[in-house]
C-alpha cells in the first residue's frame, strides 16, 4: 500500500501510512496560507517538534480525544497533560518510540523552543518516522544546518526529507541544499517558506543551490492543501 502525504503549509504535514494510520506534524492550521479544507481528524498521532505557536498550533484541539496520541519532548508532554490532553507520550532526543507497527525517532534540531506562556519547552527536535512498510520520513522541524545531519542520514537512511528553506528563522535554500548532501534522502519536500514576507527562501532558489552539488534529490514542491502518493 502507498504512503499519502498532504502539505498544509508552513511545517504541517498529514501522513497516512500504508495501513491507514493518520499522523499530523506541527498542526498549525490557521496560518495565512492554510487551505480552506483541512482534515481535523481524529488522528492516530500528533507530532510536535517544538513549542512555538506556529508549530504547536491546534494540537490541543486535535488531541482532545482518546483516539489521538500526542508525541513530543517531555516538557511539551507535561504542558499538554496539564491542559487536559488525555493521551500524550513524552520522549527525548536520541530515543525511539515503537507503537502499532510504527516507530518515531526523536533527533536534534538547531532552534529555540518556548511555550505560549513563555516558559521553557525543552529542546527542539526533528522526527524520523518509520512506517509499516519500512518507508522512512525525516521531518527536520525548525532548524539550522548542522553537521550531525550526516549521522541522521547514515543511521536512519530516510527515503523522504521534509526540510525548511525559508531563511531568517530556519535554513535558507543554500543551507538546505547542503543538508540534502548530508542526509542523502532521494526525495525532499520543501517547507517553512512563504508564510510571511520575512521567510524569503523559495523553491526556485533551493533547486538552483542543489544544482551546485553532484547529489540532487527529487524535489517535490507542494502547495498548501496538495497531496502526493509515494
Protein backbone atom coordinates (compact mmCIF):
# COMPACT_ATOMS: atom_id res chain seq x y z
CA UNK A 1 0.00 0.00 0.00
CA UNK A 2 1.23 3.53 -0.74
CA UNK A 3 2.02 6.40 1.61
CA UNK A 4 -0.09 9.55 1.26
CA UNK A 5 1.39 12.90 2.28
CA UNK A 6 -0.56 16.17 2.39
CA UNK A 7 1.11 19.53 2.95
CA UNK A 8 -0.96 22.01 4.95
CA UNK A 9 1.61 24.77 4.65
CA UNK A 10 4.34 26.10 6.94
CA UNK A 11 5.67 22.96 8.70
CA UNK A 12 2.42 20.99 8.88
CA UNK A 13 2.04 17.64 7.12
CA UNK A 14 -0.55 14.89 7.26
CA UNK A 15 0.77 11.39 6.66
CA UNK A 16 -1.48 8.39 6.01
CA UNK A 17 0.52 5.21 6.48
CA UNK A 18 0.22 2.08 4.30
CA UNK A 19 -2.12 0.56 6.90
CA UNK A 20 -4.23 3.70 7.19
CA UNK A 21 -2.85 5.26 10.36
CA UNK A 22 -3.12 9.05 10.33
CA UNK A 23 -0.31 11.28 11.57
CA UNK A 24 -0.18 15.07 11.64
CA UNK A 25 3.01 17.00 12.35
CA UNK A 26 3.14 20.56 13.76
CA UNK A 27 -0.60 21.21 13.24
CA UNK A 28 -0.78 24.97 12.77
CA UNK A 29 -3.85 25.11 10.54
CA UNK A 30 -4.76 28.82 10.81
CA UNK A 31 -1.75 30.46 9.16
CA UNK A 32 -2.13 32.93 6.26
CA UNK A 33 -1.60 30.30 3.55
CA UNK A 34 -3.60 27.49 5.16
CA UNK A 35 -6.03 25.76 2.79
CA UNK A 36 -9.73 26.22 3.44
CA UNK A 37 -10.32 22.50 3.75
CA UNK A 38 -8.22 20.53 6.22
CA UNK A 39 -8.66 17.15 7.86
CA UNK A 40 -9.45 17.78 11.53
CA UNK A 41 -9.16 14.14 12.44
CA UNK A 42 -9.41 12.18 14.52
CA UNK A 43 -5.72 11.39 14.10
CA UNK A 44 -3.84 8.44 15.49
CA UNK A 45 -0.79 10.57 16.27
CA UNK A 46 0.06 14.26 16.58
CA UNK A 47 3.80 15.04 16.50
CA UNK A 48 5.17 18.33 17.86
CA UNK A 49 8.73 19.42 17.02
CA UNK A 50 8.86 22.37 19.44
CA UNK A 51 6.69 24.70 21.49
CA UNK A 52 6.37 27.79 19.30
CA UNK A 53 2.79 28.68 18.43
CA UNK A 54 3.32 28.21 14.70
CA UNK A 55 4.10 24.54 15.38
CA UNK A 56 2.11 23.68 18.49
CA UNK A 57 -0.81 25.20 16.59
CA UNK A 58 -4.13 23.44 17.13
CA UNK A 59 -2.58 20.41 18.83
CA UNK A 60 -4.72 20.70 21.95
CA UNK A 61 -7.94 20.90 19.95
CA UNK A 62 -6.97 17.92 17.77
CA UNK A 63 -5.81 15.81 20.71
CA UNK A 64 -8.84 16.01 22.99
CA UNK A 65 -9.90 12.51 22.07
CA UNK A 66 -8.75 9.17 23.44
CA UNK A 67 -8.12 8.07 19.86
CA UNK A 68 -5.28 10.55 19.41
CA UNK A 69 -1.83 10.27 20.96
CA UNK A 70 0.48 13.27 21.03
CA UNK A 71 4.22 12.63 20.82
CA UNK A 72 6.55 15.40 21.94
CA UNK A 73 9.55 16.13 24.11
CA UNK A 74 8.96 15.69 27.85
CA UNK A 75 8.36 19.36 28.69
CA UNK A 76 5.72 19.78 25.99
CA UNK A 77 4.10 16.50 27.04
CA UNK A 78 3.76 17.79 30.60
CA UNK A 79 2.31 21.08 29.38
CA UNK A 80 -0.28 19.28 27.24
CA UNK A 81 -1.30 16.92 30.03
CA UNK A 82 -1.82 19.99 32.21
CA UNK A 83 -4.12 21.41 29.54
CA UNK A 84 -6.33 18.33 29.61
CA UNK A 85 -4.92 16.39 26.68
CA UNK A 86 -5.81 12.81 27.62
CA UNK A 87 -3.03 10.92 25.86
CA UNK A 88 0.47 12.37 25.45
CA UNK A 89 3.76 10.49 25.27
CA UNK A 90 6.98 12.25 26.20
CA UNK A 91 10.31 11.44 24.58
CA UNK A 92 13.78 12.88 24.39
CA UNK A 93 16.39 13.26 21.70
CA UNK A 94 18.01 10.01 20.61
CA UNK A 95 15.12 7.81 21.68
CA UNK A 96 12.75 5.74 19.57
CA UNK A 97 9.10 5.09 20.44
CA UNK A 98 7.61 1.99 18.81
CA UNK A 99 3.85 1.64 18.69
CA UNK A 100 1.30 -0.14 16.47
CA UNK A 101 3.77 -1.04 13.73
CA UNK A 102 5.28 2.44 13.55
CA UNK A 103 8.40 3.93 15.08
CA UNK A 104 9.15 7.55 15.93
CA UNK A 105 12.78 8.54 16.49
CA UNK A 106 13.45 11.96 18.00
CA UNK A 107 16.52 13.63 16.50
CA UNK A 108 18.17 17.00 17.18
CA UNK A 109 17.28 20.34 15.63
CA UNK A 110 19.06 23.69 16.00
CA UNK A 111 16.46 26.24 17.04
CA UNK A 112 14.78 27.59 20.18
CA UNK A 113 11.60 26.48 21.90
CA UNK A 114 9.17 28.10 24.33
CA UNK A 115 5.55 27.54 25.30
CA UNK A 116 2.72 30.05 24.78
CA UNK A 117 3.23 31.37 28.32
CA UNK A 118 6.92 31.96 27.61
CA UNK A 119 8.17 29.07 29.73
CA UNK A 120 10.83 26.60 28.65
CA UNK A 121 9.57 23.94 26.23
CA UNK A 122 12.54 21.60 26.22
CA UNK A 123 14.88 21.16 23.28
CA UNK A 124 13.58 21.50 19.72
CA UNK A 125 13.67 18.33 17.67
CA UNK A 126 13.00 16.59 14.42
CA UNK A 127 11.47 13.17 13.86
CA UNK A 128 12.35 10.14 11.74
CA UNK A 129 9.11 8.24 11.20
CA UNK A 130 9.32 4.62 10.06
CA UNK A 131 6.07 3.32 8.60
CA UNK A 132 4.79 -0.27 8.50
CA UNK A 133 6.39 -0.97 5.11
CA UNK A 134 9.78 0.42 6.17
CA UNK A 135 9.38 3.76 4.37
CA UNK A 136 11.18 6.45 6.40
CA UNK A 137 10.32 10.14 6.59
CA UNK A 138 12.58 12.73 8.22
CA UNK A 139 10.78 15.89 9.36
CA UNK A 140 13.59 18.25 10.32
CA UNK A 141 11.46 20.68 12.34
CA UNK A 142 12.65 24.25 12.53
CA UNK A 143 16.40 24.02 12.23
CA UNK A 144 19.63 25.47 11.01
CA UNK A 145 22.19 23.36 9.21
CA UNK A 146 24.29 21.13 11.46
CA UNK A 147 26.93 18.51 10.75
CA UNK A 148 25.18 15.68 12.59
CA UNK A 149 22.60 15.58 9.82
CA UNK A 150 25.18 13.21 8.34
CA UNK A 151 24.52 10.82 11.23
CA UNK A 152 20.76 11.08 10.70
CA UNK A 153 21.33 10.05 7.10
CA UNK A 154 23.73 7.23 7.96
CA UNK A 155 21.78 5.77 10.87
CA UNK A 156 18.20 6.07 9.64
CA UNK A 157 18.51 6.31 5.84
CA UNK A 158 15.34 8.37 5.28
CA UNK A 159 13.60 7.93 1.95
CA UNK A 160 12.00 11.37 2.15
CA UNK A 161 13.16 14.54 3.90
CA UNK A 162 10.86 17.43 4.82
CA UNK A 163 13.22 20.40 5.07
CA UNK A 164 12.74 24.09 5.90
CA UNK A 165 14.05 26.52 3.26
CA UNK A 166 12.53 29.85 4.33
CA UNK A 167 15.64 31.51 5.83
CA UNK A 168 15.75 34.04 8.70
CA UNK A 169 14.36 31.70 11.39
CA UNK A 170 15.43 28.43 9.73
CA UNK A 171 17.71 27.19 6.99
CA UNK A 172 17.64 29.09 3.72
CA UNK A 173 17.99 27.50 0.28
CA UNK A 174 21.80 27.41 0.45
CA UNK A 175 21.87 25.60 3.78
CA UNK A 176 19.01 23.27 2.85
CA UNK A 177 20.83 22.22 -0.32
CA UNK A 178 23.90 21.31 1.75
CA UNK A 179 21.64 19.46 4.20
CA UNK A 180 20.47 17.26 1.33
CA UNK A 181 24.06 16.17 0.75
CA UNK A 182 24.39 15.15 4.39
CA UNK A 183 21.03 13.40 4.73
CA UNK A 184 21.13 11.67 1.33
CA UNK A 185 17.36 11.17 1.05
CA UNK A 186 16.23 10.52 -2.52
CA UNK A 187 13.20 12.80 -2.23
CA UNK A 188 12.71 16.13 -0.48
CA UNK A 189 9.67 18.32 0.13
CA UNK A 190 10.49 21.96 1.00
CA UNK A 191 8.60 23.56 3.90
CA UNK A 192 8.52 26.60 6.17
CA UNK A 193 8.74 29.21 3.42
CA UNK A 194 6.45 31.91 2.07
CA UNK A 195 4.10 32.00 5.06
CA UNK A 196 5.26 35.52 5.92
CA UNK A 197 7.30 38.03 3.88
CA UNK A 198 10.31 37.52 6.17
CA UNK A 199 10.56 33.88 5.05
CA UNK A 200 12.19 34.76 1.73
CA UNK A 201 13.51 31.36 0.65
CA UNK A 202 11.95 29.91 -2.49
CA UNK A 203 11.78 26.54 -4.17
CA UNK A 204 13.47 28.03 -7.24
CA UNK A 205 16.42 29.23 -5.17
CA UNK A 206 16.62 25.86 -3.43
CA UNK A 207 16.76 23.99 -6.74
CA UNK A 208 19.42 26.42 -8.02
CA UNK A 209 21.56 25.75 -4.94
CA UNK A 210 21.11 22.00 -5.38
CA UNK A 211 22.43 22.29 -8.95
CA UNK A 212 25.88 23.05 -7.48
CA UNK A 213 26.15 19.56 -5.99
CA UNK A 214 26.60 16.11 -7.55
CA UNK A 215 23.75 14.62 -5.49
CA UNK A 216 20.39 16.04 -6.48
CA UNK A 217 17.35 14.55 -4.76
CA UNK A 218 13.97 14.75 -6.39
CA UNK A 219 12.39 17.99 -5.19
CA UNK A 220 8.63 17.72 -4.68
CA UNK A 221 7.16 21.20 -4.16
CA UNK A 222 3.65 21.06 -2.74
CA UNK A 223 1.25 23.95 -2.34
CA UNK A 224 -0.78 24.07 0.88
CA UNK A 225 -3.57 21.53 0.54
CA UNK A 226 -1.81 19.43 -2.10
CA UNK A 227 -1.13 15.72 -1.61
CA UNK A 228 1.25 13.16 -3.09
CA UNK A 229 1.23 9.38 -3.00
CA UNK A 230 4.56 7.59 -2.75
